[in-house]
Full PDB file with SEQRES, HELIX, SHEET, SSBOND, CRYST1, ORIGX, SCALE, CONECT and MASTER records, all heavy atoms in Angstrom:
SEQRES   1 A   39  ASN LYS MET CYS LEU VAL LEU GLY SER VAL PHE GLY PHE          
SEQRES   2 A   39  LEU ILE PRO ILE THR ASN GLY LEU THR THR GLY ASN TRP          
SEQRES   3 A   39  ILE TRP LYS SER PHE LEU ASN GLN GLU THR GLN LEU PHE          
HELIX    1 AA1 LYS A    2  THR A   23  1                                  22    
HELIX    2 AA2 ILE A   27  LEU A   32  1                                   6    
CRYST1    1.000    1.000    1.000  90.00  90.00  90.00 P 1           1          
ORIGX1      1.000000  0.000000  0.000000        0.00000                         
ORIGX2      0.000000  1.000000  0.000000        0.00000                         
ORIGX3      0.000000  0.000000  1.000000        0.00000                         
SCALE1      1.000000  0.000000  0.000000        0.00000                         
SCALE2      0.000000  1.000000  0.000000        0.00000                         
SCALE3      0.000000  0.000000  1.000000        0.00000                         
ATOM      1  N   ASN A   1      40.111 -11.024 -72.238  1.00  0.00           N  
ATOM      2  CA  ASN A   1      41.404 -10.348 -72.200  1.00  0.00           C  
ATOM      3  C   ASN A   1      41.429  -9.170 -73.171  1.00  0.00           C  
ATOM      4  O   ASN A   1      41.791  -8.044 -72.819  1.00  0.00           O  
ATOM      5  CB  ASN A   1      42.508 -11.347 -72.539  1.00  0.00           C  
ATOM      6  CG  ASN A   1      43.894 -10.837 -72.155  1.00  0.00           C  
ATOM      7  OD1 ASN A   1      44.034  -9.791 -71.550  1.00  0.00           O  
ATOM      8  ND2 ASN A   1      44.903 -11.580 -72.543  1.00  0.00           N  
ATOM      9  N   LYS A   2      41.012  -9.432 -74.425  1.00  0.00           N  
ATOM     10  CA  LYS A   2      41.067  -8.407 -75.465  1.00  0.00           C  
ATOM     11  C   LYS A   2      40.134  -7.240 -75.149  1.00  0.00           C  
ATOM     12  O   LYS A   2      40.530  -6.068 -75.241  1.00  0.00           O  
ATOM     13  CB  LYS A   2      40.672  -9.023 -76.803  1.00  0.00           C  
ATOM     14  CG  LYS A   2      40.716  -8.050 -77.972  1.00  0.00           C  
ATOM     15  CD  LYS A   2      41.769  -8.453 -78.959  1.00  0.00           C  
ATOM     16  CE  LYS A   2      41.841  -7.503 -80.129  1.00  0.00           C  
ATOM     17  NZ  LYS A   2      42.997  -7.782 -80.992  1.00  0.00           N  
ATOM     18  N   MET A   3      38.912  -7.535 -74.770  1.00  0.00           N  
ATOM     19  CA  MET A   3      37.938  -6.481 -74.527  1.00  0.00           C  
ATOM     20  C   MET A   3      38.297  -5.640 -73.298  1.00  0.00           C  
ATOM     21  O   MET A   3      38.064  -4.433 -73.276  1.00  0.00           O  
ATOM     22  CB  MET A   3      36.539  -7.069 -74.361  1.00  0.00           C  
ATOM     23  CG  MET A   3      35.911  -7.544 -75.656  1.00  0.00           C  
ATOM     24  SD  MET A   3      35.902  -6.266 -76.952  1.00  0.00           S  
ATOM     25  CE  MET A   3      34.903  -4.989 -76.190  1.00  0.00           C  
ATOM     26  N   CYS A   4      38.855  -6.269 -72.276  1.00  0.00           N  
ATOM     27  CA  CYS A   4      39.269  -5.506 -71.091  1.00  0.00           C  
ATOM     28  C   CYS A   4      40.371  -4.518 -71.446  1.00  0.00           C  
ATOM     29  O   CYS A   4      40.363  -3.365 -70.995  1.00  0.00           O  
ATOM     30  CB  CYS A   4      39.728  -6.448 -69.985  1.00  0.00           C  
ATOM     31  SG  CYS A   4      38.384  -7.296 -69.141  1.00  0.00           S  
ATOM     32  N   LEU A   5      41.324  -4.957 -72.275  1.00  0.00           N  
ATOM     33  CA  LEU A   5      42.402  -4.067 -72.697  1.00  0.00           C  
ATOM     34  C   LEU A   5      41.877  -2.942 -73.591  1.00  0.00           C  
ATOM     35  O   LEU A   5      42.246  -1.776 -73.433  1.00  0.00           O  
ATOM     36  CB  LEU A   5      43.479  -4.863 -73.431  1.00  0.00           C  
ATOM     37  CG  LEU A   5      44.324  -5.810 -72.573  1.00  0.00           C  
ATOM     38  CD1 LEU A   5      45.220  -6.672 -73.451  1.00  0.00           C  
ATOM     39  CD2 LEU A   5      45.174  -5.027 -71.573  1.00  0.00           C  
ATOM     40  N   VAL A   6      40.989  -3.298 -74.541  1.00  0.00           N  
ATOM     41  CA  VAL A   6      40.454  -2.293 -75.471  1.00  0.00           C  
ATOM     42  C   VAL A   6      39.571  -1.281 -74.728  1.00  0.00           C  
ATOM     43  O   VAL A   6      39.716  -0.060 -74.899  1.00  0.00           O  
ATOM     44  CB  VAL A   6      39.665  -2.967 -76.605  1.00  0.00           C  
ATOM     45  CG1 VAL A   6      38.928  -1.932 -77.442  1.00  0.00           C  
ATOM     46  CG2 VAL A   6      40.599  -3.778 -77.492  1.00  0.00           C  
ATOM     47  N   LEU A   7      38.644  -1.784 -73.912  1.00  0.00           N  
ATOM     48  CA  LEU A   7      37.761  -0.888 -73.166  1.00  0.00           C  
ATOM     49  C   LEU A   7      38.551   0.014 -72.219  1.00  0.00           C  
ATOM     50  O   LEU A   7      38.302   1.223 -72.135  1.00  0.00           O  
ATOM     51  CB  LEU A   7      36.739  -1.698 -72.364  1.00  0.00           C  
ATOM     52  CG  LEU A   7      35.576  -2.312 -73.137  1.00  0.00           C  
ATOM     53  CD1 LEU A   7      34.741  -3.188 -72.217  1.00  0.00           C  
ATOM     54  CD2 LEU A   7      34.711  -1.226 -73.770  1.00  0.00           C  
ATOM     55  N   GLY A   8      39.511  -0.587 -71.495  1.00  0.00           N  
ATOM     56  CA  GLY A   8      40.339   0.203 -70.585  1.00  0.00           C  
ATOM     57  C   GLY A   8      41.120   1.272 -71.331  1.00  0.00           C  
ATOM     58  O   GLY A   8      41.262   2.405 -70.849  1.00  0.00           O  
ATOM     59  N   SER A   9      41.617   0.941 -72.526  1.00  0.00           N  
ATOM     60  CA  SER A   9      42.383   1.900 -73.330  1.00  0.00           C  
ATOM     61  C   SER A   9      41.497   3.037 -73.820  1.00  0.00           C  
ATOM     62  O   SER A   9      41.870   4.214 -73.760  1.00  0.00           O  
ATOM     63  CB  SER A   9      43.026   1.186 -74.521  1.00  0.00           C  
ATOM     64  OG  SER A   9      43.893   0.154 -74.094  1.00  0.00           O  
ATOM     65  N   VAL A  10      40.302   2.702 -74.331  1.00  0.00           N  
ATOM     66  CA  VAL A  10      39.376   3.729 -74.825  1.00  0.00           C  
ATOM     67  C   VAL A  10      38.981   4.667 -73.689  1.00  0.00           C  
ATOM     68  O   VAL A  10      39.019   5.898 -73.837  1.00  0.00           O  
ATOM     69  CB  VAL A  10      38.124   3.078 -75.445  1.00  0.00           C  
ATOM     70  CG1 VAL A  10      37.068   4.133 -75.761  1.00  0.00           C  
ATOM     71  CG2 VAL A  10      38.507   2.320 -76.715  1.00  0.00           C  
ATOM     72  N   PHE A  11      38.594   4.102 -72.562  1.00  0.00           N  
ATOM     73  CA  PHE A  11      38.244   4.934 -71.410  1.00  0.00           C  
ATOM     74  C   PHE A  11      39.441   5.771 -70.952  1.00  0.00           C  
ATOM     75  O   PHE A  11      39.296   6.928 -70.550  1.00  0.00           O  
ATOM     76  CB  PHE A  11      37.747   4.066 -70.249  1.00  0.00           C  
ATOM     77  CG  PHE A  11      36.414   3.424 -70.495  1.00  0.00           C  
ATOM     78  CD1 PHE A  11      36.144   2.152 -70.007  1.00  0.00           C  
ATOM     79  CD2 PHE A  11      35.429   4.080 -71.201  1.00  0.00           C  
ATOM     80  CE1 PHE A  11      34.915   1.548 -70.226  1.00  0.00           C  
ATOM     81  CE2 PHE A  11      34.191   3.490 -71.433  1.00  0.00           C  
ATOM     82  CZ  PHE A  11      33.939   2.226 -70.941  1.00  0.00           C  
ATOM     83  N   GLY A  12      40.629   5.158 -71.018  1.00  0.00           N  
ATOM     84  CA  GLY A  12      41.842   5.867 -70.607  1.00  0.00           C  
ATOM     85  C   GLY A  12      42.103   7.093 -71.460  1.00  0.00           C  
ATOM     86  O   GLY A  12      42.485   8.158 -70.942  1.00  0.00           O  
ATOM     87  N   PHE A  13      41.909   6.979 -72.795  1.00  0.00           N  
ATOM     88  CA  PHE A  13      42.089   8.130 -73.673  1.00  0.00           C  
ATOM     89  C   PHE A  13      41.031   9.210 -73.421  1.00  0.00           C  
ATOM     90  O   PHE A  13      41.283  10.402 -73.628  1.00  0.00           O  
ATOM     91  CB  PHE A  13      42.026   7.687 -75.142  1.00  0.00           C  
ATOM     92  CG  PHE A  13      43.266   6.985 -75.608  1.00  0.00           C  
ATOM     93  CD1 PHE A  13      43.207   5.712 -76.163  1.00  0.00           C  
ATOM     94  CD2 PHE A  13      44.518   7.596 -75.501  1.00  0.00           C  
ATOM     95  CE1 PHE A  13      44.351   5.064 -76.601  1.00  0.00           C  
ATOM     96  CE2 PHE A  13      45.676   6.953 -75.934  1.00  0.00           C  
ATOM     97  CZ  PHE A  13      45.588   5.685 -76.483  1.00  0.00           C  
ATOM     98  N   LEU A  14      39.850   8.781 -72.985  1.00  0.00           N  
ATOM     99  CA  LEU A  14      38.763   9.733 -72.749  1.00  0.00           C  
ATOM    100  C   LEU A  14      38.933  10.510 -71.437  1.00  0.00           C  
ATOM    101  O   LEU A  14      38.295  11.551 -71.249  1.00  0.00           O  
ATOM    102  CB  LEU A  14      37.421   8.995 -72.726  1.00  0.00           C  
ATOM    103  CG  LEU A  14      36.920   8.453 -74.075  1.00  0.00           C  
ATOM    104  CD1 LEU A  14      35.647   7.639 -73.876  1.00  0.00           C  
ATOM    105  CD2 LEU A  14      36.680   9.586 -75.063  1.00  0.00           C  
ATOM    106  N   ILE A  15      39.780  10.002 -70.534  1.00  0.00           N  
ATOM    107  CA  ILE A  15      39.938  10.643 -69.222  1.00  0.00           C  
ATOM    108  C   ILE A  15      40.460  12.074 -69.338  1.00  0.00           C  
ATOM    109  O   ILE A  15      39.844  13.006 -68.799  1.00  0.00           O  
ATOM    110  CB  ILE A  15      40.834   9.780 -68.305  1.00  0.00           C  
ATOM    111  CG1 ILE A  15      40.065   8.523 -67.869  1.00  0.00           C  
ATOM    112  CG2 ILE A  15      41.281  10.568 -67.067  1.00  0.00           C  
ATOM    113  CD1 ILE A  15      40.913   7.489 -67.169  1.00  0.00           C  
ATOM    114  N   PRO A  16      41.594  12.335 -70.023  1.00  0.00           N  
ATOM    115  CA  PRO A  16      42.045  13.735 -70.142  1.00  0.00           C  
ATOM    116  C   PRO A  16      41.077  14.609 -70.933  1.00  0.00           C  
ATOM    117  O   PRO A  16      40.978  15.816 -70.684  1.00  0.00           O  
ATOM    118  CB  PRO A  16      43.401  13.617 -70.846  1.00  0.00           C  
ATOM    119  CG  PRO A  16      43.420  12.266 -71.466  1.00  0.00           C  
ATOM    120  CD  PRO A  16      42.562  11.397 -70.614  1.00  0.00           C  
ATOM    121  N   ILE A  17      40.350  13.998 -71.889  1.00  0.00           N  
ATOM    122  CA  ILE A  17      39.356  14.766 -72.657  1.00  0.00           C  
ATOM    123  C   ILE A  17      38.212  15.180 -71.744  1.00  0.00           C  
ATOM    124  O   ILE A  17      37.753  16.337 -71.773  1.00  0.00           O  
ATOM    125  CB  ILE A  17      38.833  13.927 -73.841  1.00  0.00           C  
ATOM    126  CG1 ILE A  17      39.975  13.625 -74.815  1.00  0.00           C  
ATOM    127  CG2 ILE A  17      37.692  14.644 -74.548  1.00  0.00           C  
ATOM    128  CD1 ILE A  17      39.595  12.687 -75.943  1.00  0.00           C  
ATOM    129  N   THR A  18      37.739  14.244 -70.931  1.00  0.00           N  
ATOM    130  CA  THR A  18      36.666  14.549 -69.979  1.00  0.00           C  
ATOM    131  C   THR A  18      37.098  15.620 -68.989  1.00  0.00           C  
ATOM    132  O   THR A  18      36.326  16.539 -68.661  1.00  0.00           O  
ATOM    133  CB  THR A  18      36.256  13.277 -69.212  1.00  0.00           C  
ATOM    134  OG1 THR A  18      35.904  12.247 -70.144  1.00  0.00           O  
ATOM    135  CG2 THR A  18      35.079  13.552 -68.293  1.00  0.00           C  
ATOM    136  N   ASN A  19      38.331  15.520 -68.513  1.00  0.00           N  
ATOM    137  CA  ASN A  19      38.845  16.516 -67.570  1.00  0.00           C  
ATOM    138  C   ASN A  19      38.869  17.901 -68.208  1.00  0.00           C  
ATOM    139  O   ASN A  19      38.480  18.900 -67.587  1.00  0.00           O  
ATOM    140  CB  ASN A  19      40.252  16.114 -67.105  1.00  0.00           C  
ATOM    141  CG  ASN A  19      40.801  17.044 -66.040  1.00  0.00           C  
ATOM    142  OD1 ASN A  19      40.078  17.534 -65.192  1.00  0.00           O  
ATOM    143  ND2 ASN A  19      42.098  17.298 -66.102  1.00  0.00           N  
ATOM    144  N   GLY A  20      39.299  17.967 -69.468  1.00  0.00           N  
ATOM    145  CA  GLY A  20      39.348  19.248 -70.166  1.00  0.00           C  
ATOM    146  C   GLY A  20      37.970  19.844 -70.380  1.00  0.00           C  
ATOM    147  O   GLY A  20      37.760  21.051 -70.205  1.00  0.00           O  
ATOM    148  N   LEU A  21      36.998  18.991 -70.746  1.00  0.00           N  
ATOM    149  CA  LEU A  21      35.643  19.469 -71.013  1.00  0.00           C  
ATOM    150  C   LEU A  21      34.935  19.932 -69.744  1.00  0.00           C  
ATOM    151  O   LEU A  21      34.173  20.903 -69.772  1.00  0.00           O  
ATOM    152  CB  LEU A  21      34.824  18.362 -71.683  1.00  0.00           C  
ATOM    153  CG  LEU A  21      35.212  17.990 -73.120  1.00  0.00           C  
ATOM    154  CD1 LEU A  21      34.430  16.765 -73.589  1.00  0.00           C  
ATOM    155  CD2 LEU A  21      34.963  19.165 -74.072  1.00  0.00           C  
ATOM    156  N   THR A  22      35.169  19.240 -68.634  1.00  0.00           N  
ATOM    157  CA  THR A  22      34.439  19.553 -67.390  1.00  0.00           C  
ATOM    158  C   THR A  22      35.084  20.665 -66.577  1.00  0.00           C  
ATOM    159  O   THR A  22      34.401  21.372 -65.835  1.00  0.00           O  
ATOM    160  CB  THR A  22      34.307  18.299 -66.512  1.00  0.00           C  
ATOM    161  OG1 THR A  22      35.625  17.747 -66.274  1.00  0.00           O  
ATOM    162  CG2 THR A  22      33.432  17.249 -67.181  1.00  0.00           C  
ATOM    163  N   THR A  23      36.395  20.821 -66.677  1.00  0.00           N  
ATOM    164  CA  THR A  23      37.092  21.809 -65.840  1.00  0.00           C  
ATOM    165  C   THR A  23      37.807  22.901 -66.634  1.00  0.00           C  
ATOM    166  O   THR A  23      38.157  23.934 -66.067  1.00  0.00           O  
ATOM    167  CB  THR A  23      38.135  21.116 -64.938  1.00  0.00           C  
ATOM    168  OG1 THR A  23      39.189  20.571 -65.759  1.00  0.00           O  
ATOM    169  CG2 THR A  23      37.498  20.003 -64.127  1.00  0.00           C  
ATOM    170  N   GLY A  24      38.045  22.641 -67.920  1.00  0.00           N  
ATOM    171  CA  GLY A  24      38.823  23.593 -68.711  1.00  0.00           C  
ATOM    172  C   GLY A  24      40.314  23.420 -68.548  1.00  0.00           C  
ATOM    173  O   GLY A  24      41.108  24.104 -69.201  1.00  0.00           O  
ATOM    174  N   ASN A  25      40.718  22.488 -67.695  1.00  0.00           N  
ATOM    175  CA  ASN A  25      42.148  22.218 -67.478  1.00  0.00           C  
ATOM    176  C   ASN A  25      42.631  21.160 -68.470  1.00  0.00           C  
ATOM    177  O   ASN A  25      42.829  20.001 -68.113  1.00  0.00           O  
ATOM    178  CB  ASN A  25      42.394  21.751 -66.044  1.00  0.00           C  
ATOM    179  CG  ASN A  25      42.457  22.897 -65.069  1.00  0.00           C  
ATOM    180  OD1 ASN A  25      42.992  23.953 -65.392  1.00  0.00           O  
ATOM    181  ND2 ASN A  25      41.910  22.707 -63.895  1.00  0.00           N  
ATOM    182  N   TRP A  26      42.800  21.563 -69.705  1.00  0.00           N  
ATOM    183  CA  TRP A  26      43.341  20.647 -70.704  1.00  0.00           C  
ATOM    184  C   TRP A  26      44.791  20.346 -70.381  1.00  0.00           C  
ATOM    185  O   TRP A  26      45.467  21.127 -69.702  1.00  0.00           O  
ATOM    186  CB  TRP A  26      43.221  21.255 -72.093  1.00  0.00           C  
ATOM    187  CG  TRP A  26      41.796  21.454 -72.513  1.00  0.00           C  
ATOM    188  CD1 TRP A  26      41.050  22.590 -72.394  1.00  0.00           C  
ATOM    189  CD2 TRP A  26      40.932  20.467 -73.089  1.00  0.00           C  
ATOM    190  NE1 TRP A  26      39.779  22.388 -72.857  1.00  0.00           N  
ATOM    191  CE2 TRP A  26      39.667  21.089 -73.297  1.00  0.00           C  
ATOM    192  CE3 TRP A  26      41.083  19.131 -73.453  1.00  0.00           C  
ATOM    193  CZ2 TRP A  26      38.586  20.423 -73.856  1.00  0.00           C  
ATOM    194  CZ3 TRP A  26      40.008  18.457 -74.018  1.00  0.00           C  
ATOM    195  CH2 TRP A  26      38.782  19.097 -74.208  1.00  0.00           C  
ATOM    196  N   ILE A  27      45.257  19.222 -70.858  1.00  0.00           N  
ATOM    197  CA  ILE A  27      46.585  18.738 -70.460  1.00  0.00           C  
ATOM    198  C   ILE A  27      47.686  19.733 -70.795  1.00  0.00           C  
ATOM    199  O   ILE A  27      48.630  19.915 -70.021  1.00  0.00           O  
ATOM    200  CB  ILE A  27      46.877  17.352 -71.091  1.00  0.00           C  
ATOM    201  CG1 ILE A  27      48.186  16.787 -70.534  1.00  0.00           C  
ATOM    202  CG2 ILE A  27      46.872  17.406 -72.604  1.00  0.00           C  
ATOM    203  CD1 ILE A  27      48.423  15.338 -70.906  1.00  0.00           C  
ATOM    204  N   TRP A  28      47.573  20.441 -71.919  1.00  0.00           N  
ATOM    205  CA  TRP A  28      48.609  21.413 -72.270  1.00  0.00           C  
ATOM    206  C   TRP A  28      48.563  22.642 -71.362  1.00  0.00           C  
ATOM    207  O   TRP A  28      49.593  23.234 -71.066  1.00  0.00           O  
ATOM    208  CB  TRP A  28      48.481  21.812 -73.736  1.00  0.00           C  
ATOM    209  CG  TRP A  28      47.153  22.366 -74.147  1.00  0.00           C  
ATOM    210  CD1 TRP A  28      46.724  23.659 -74.050  1.00  0.00           C  
ATOM    211  CD2 TRP A  28      46.060  21.622 -74.693  1.00  0.00           C  
ATOM    212  NE1 TRP A  28      45.445  23.786 -74.504  1.00  0.00           N  
ATOM    213  CE2 TRP A  28      45.013  22.543 -74.926  1.00  0.00           C  
ATOM    214  CE3 TRP A  28      45.861  20.281 -75.022  1.00  0.00           C  
ATOM    215  CZ2 TRP A  28      43.782  22.160 -75.450  1.00  0.00           C  
ATOM    216  CZ3 TRP A  28      44.650  19.903 -75.558  1.00  0.00           C  
ATOM    217  CH2 TRP A  28      43.616  20.821 -75.770  1.00  0.00           C  
ATOM    218  N   LYS A  29      47.361  22.987 -70.890  1.00  0.00           N  
ATOM    219  CA  LYS A  29      47.238  24.115 -69.970  1.00  0.00           C  
ATOM    220  C   LYS A  29      47.847  23.793 -68.607  1.00  0.00           C  
ATOM    221  O   LYS A  29      48.566  24.610 -68.016  1.00  0.00           O  
ATOM    222  CB  LYS A  29      45.766  24.499 -69.797  1.00  0.00           C  
ATOM    223  CG  LYS A  29      45.168  25.222 -70.987  1.00  0.00           C  
ATOM    224  CD  LYS A  29      43.761  25.705 -70.665  1.00  0.00           C  
ATOM    225  CE  LYS A  29      43.167  26.495 -71.823  1.00  0.00           C  
ATOM    226  NZ  LYS A  29      41.797  26.977 -71.509  1.00  0.00           N  
ATOM    227  N   SER A  30      47.543  22.593 -68.104  1.00  0.00           N  
ATOM    228  CA  SER A  30      48.099  22.205 -66.802  1.00  0.00           C  
ATOM    229  C   SER A  30      49.616  22.084 -66.879  1.00  0.00           C  
ATOM    230  O   SER A  30      50.326  22.366 -65.911  1.00  0.00           O  
ATOM    231  CB  SER A  30      47.479  20.892 -66.321  1.00  0.00           C  
ATOM    232  OG  SER A  30      47.681  19.852 -67.258  1.00  0.00           O  
ATOM    233  N   PHE A  31      50.145  21.680 -68.033  1.00  0.00           N  
ATOM    234  CA  PHE A  31      51.596  21.598 -68.215  1.00  0.00           C  
ATOM    235  C   PHE A  31      52.215  22.988 -68.191  1.00  0.00           C  
ATOM    236  O   PHE A  31      53.218  23.224 -67.496  1.00  0.00           O  
ATOM    237  CB  PHE A  31      51.924  20.890 -69.528  1.00  0.00           C  
ATOM    238  CG  PHE A  31      53.395  20.849 -69.849  1.00  0.00           C  
ATOM    239  CD1 PHE A  31      54.242  19.985 -69.167  1.00  0.00           C  
ATOM    240  CD2 PHE A  31      53.939  21.694 -70.799  1.00  0.00           C  
ATOM    241  CE1 PHE A  31      55.599  19.944 -69.446  1.00  0.00           C  
ATOM    242  CE2 PHE A  31      55.297  21.677 -71.091  1.00  0.00           C  
ATOM    243  CZ  PHE A  31      56.128  20.794 -70.408  1.00  0.00           C  
ATOM    244  N   LEU A  32      51.623  23.927 -68.942  1.00  0.00           N  
ATOM    245  CA  LEU A  32      52.158  25.293 -69.001  1.00  0.00           C  
ATOM    246  C   LEU A  32      52.025  26.015 -67.662  1.00  0.00           C  
ATOM    247  O   LEU A  32      52.878  26.827 -67.296  1.00  0.00           O  
ATOM    248  CB  LEU A  32      51.438  26.083 -70.101  1.00  0.00           C  
ATOM    249  CG  LEU A  32      51.697  25.617 -71.541  1.00  0.00           C  
ATOM    250  CD1 LEU A  32      50.813  26.381 -72.517  1.00  0.00           C  
ATOM    251  CD2 LEU A  32      53.169  25.796 -71.910  1.00  0.00           C  
ATOM    252  N   ASN A  33      50.947  25.693 -66.914  1.00  0.00           N  
ATOM    253  CA  ASN A  33      50.715  26.341 -65.608  1.00  0.00           C  
ATOM    254  C   ASN A  33      51.431  25.627 -64.468  1.00  0.00           C  
ATOM    255  O   ASN A  33      51.288  26.025 -63.306  1.00  0.00           O  
ATOM    256  CB  ASN A  33      49.211  26.388 -65.304  1.00  0.00           C  
ATOM    257  CG  ASN A  33      48.451  27.284 -66.265  1.00  0.00           C  
ATOM    258  OD1 ASN A  33      49.014  28.221 -66.817  1.00  0.00           O  
ATOM    259  ND2 ASN A  33      47.178  26.990 -66.477  1.00  0.00           N  
ATOM    260  N   GLN A  34      52.199  24.582 -64.809  1.00  0.00           N  
ATOM    261  CA  GLN A  34      52.950  23.795 -63.822  1.00  0.00           C  
ATOM    262  C   GLN A  34      52.033  23.226 -62.731  1.00  0.00           C  
ATOM    263  O   GLN A  34      52.401  23.179 -61.560  1.00  0.00           O  
ATOM    264  CB  GLN A  34      54.064  24.641 -63.195  1.00  0.00           C  
ATOM    265  CG  GLN A  34      55.118  25.077 -64.194  1.00  0.00           C  
ATOM    266  CD  GLN A  34      56.261  25.833 -63.560  1.00  0.00           C  
ATOM    267  OE1 GLN A  34      56.147  26.357 -62.453  1.00  0.00           O  
ATOM    268  NE2 GLN A  34      57.394  25.891 -64.247  1.00  0.00           N  
ATOM    269  N   GLU A  35      50.848  22.802 -63.138  1.00  0.00           N  
ATOM    270  CA  GLU A  35      49.915  22.142 -62.222  1.00  0.00           C  
ATOM    271  C   GLU A  35      50.220  20.641 -62.251  1.00  0.00           C  
ATOM    272  O   GLU A  35      49.601  19.873 -62.985  1.00  0.00           O  
ATOM    273  CB  GLU A  35      48.474  22.453 -62.638  1.00  0.00           C  
ATOM    274  CG  GLU A  35      48.148  23.927 -62.519  1.00  0.00           C  
ATOM    275  CD  GLU A  35      46.820  24.304 -63.148  1.00  0.00           C  
ATOM    276  OE1 GLU A  35      46.417  23.659 -64.135  1.00  0.00           O  
ATOM    277  OE2 GLU A  35      46.180  25.253 -62.651  1.00  0.00           O  
ATOM    278  N   THR A  36      51.181  20.265 -61.450  1.00  0.00           N  
ATOM    279  CA  THR A  36      51.814  18.946 -61.543  1.00  0.00           C  
ATOM    280  C   THR A  36      50.829  17.793 -61.431  1.00  0.00           C  
ATOM    281  O   THR A  36      50.829  16.884 -62.271  1.00  0.00           O  
ATOM    282  CB  THR A  36      52.893  18.804 -60.443  1.00  0.00           C  
ATOM    283  OG1 THR A  36      53.763  19.921 -60.490  1.00  0.00           O  
ATOM    284  CG2 THR A  36      53.687  17.522 -60.639  1.00  0.00           C  
ATOM    285  N   GLN A  37      49.991  17.811 -60.382  1.00  0.00           N  
ATOM    286  CA  GLN A  37      49.089  16.682 -60.157  1.00  0.00           C  
ATOM    287  C   GLN A  37      48.084  16.530 -61.295  1.00  0.00           C  
ATOM    288  O   GLN A  37      47.794  15.411 -61.729  1.00  0.00           O  
ATOM    289  CB  GLN A  37      48.352  16.839 -58.822  1.00  0.00           C  
ATOM    290  CG  GLN A  37      49.238  16.695 -57.607  1.00  0.00           C  
ATOM    291  CD  GLN A  37      49.761  18.024 -57.097  1.00  0.00           C  
ATOM    292  OE1 GLN A  37      49.622  19.050 -57.773  1.00  0.00           O  
ATOM    293  NE2 GLN A  37      50.373  18.030 -55.923  1.00  0.00           N  
ATOM    294  N   LEU A  38      47.558  17.661 -61.786  1.00  0.00           N  
ATOM    295  CA  LEU A  38      46.564  17.612 -62.869  1.00  0.00           C  
ATOM    296  C   LEU A  38      47.195  17.081 -64.150  1.00  0.00           C  
ATOM    297  O   LEU A  38      46.614  16.226 -64.842  1.00  0.00           O  
ATOM    298  CB  LEU A  38      45.977  19.003 -63.116  1.00  0.00           C  
ATOM    299  CG  LEU A  38      45.385  19.729 -61.904  1.00  0.00           C  
ATOM    300  CD1 LEU A  38      44.764  21.046 -62.334  1.00  0.00           C  
ATOM    301  CD2 LEU A  38      44.348  18.857 -61.205  1.00  0.00           C  
ATOM    302  N   PHE A  39      48.379  17.570 -64.461  1.00  0.00           N  
ATOM    303  CA  PHE A  39      49.067  17.117 -65.675  1.00  0.00           C  
ATOM    304  C   PHE A  39      49.451  15.651 -65.573  1.00  0.00           C  
ATOM    305  O   PHE A  39      49.300  14.893 -66.540  1.00  0.00           O  
ATOM    306  CB  PHE A  39      50.319  17.965 -65.914  1.00  0.00           C  
ATOM    307  CG  PHE A  39      51.206  17.427 -67.003  1.00  0.00           C  
ATOM    308  CD1 PHE A  39      50.878  17.605 -68.339  1.00  0.00           C  
ATOM    309  CD2 PHE A  39      52.365  16.719 -66.687  1.00  0.00           C  
ATOM    310  CE1 PHE A  39      51.695  17.082 -69.343  1.00  0.00           C  
ATOM    311  CE2 PHE A  39      53.181  16.205 -67.676  1.00  0.00           C  
ATOM    312  CZ  PHE A  39      52.850  16.393 -69.012  1.00  0.00           C  
TER     313      PHE A  39                                                      
MASTER        0    0    0    2    0    0    0    6  312    1    0    3          
END                                                                             
């Protein structure tokens, strides 16, 4: 139970970071550009 929650949380935090590194669409950029689905 504990490891599934911790691993899922760590991977979850890495998702927007990975998106920013691979595409350049960081979360603040997609918000300012009104790119709804990406944000």
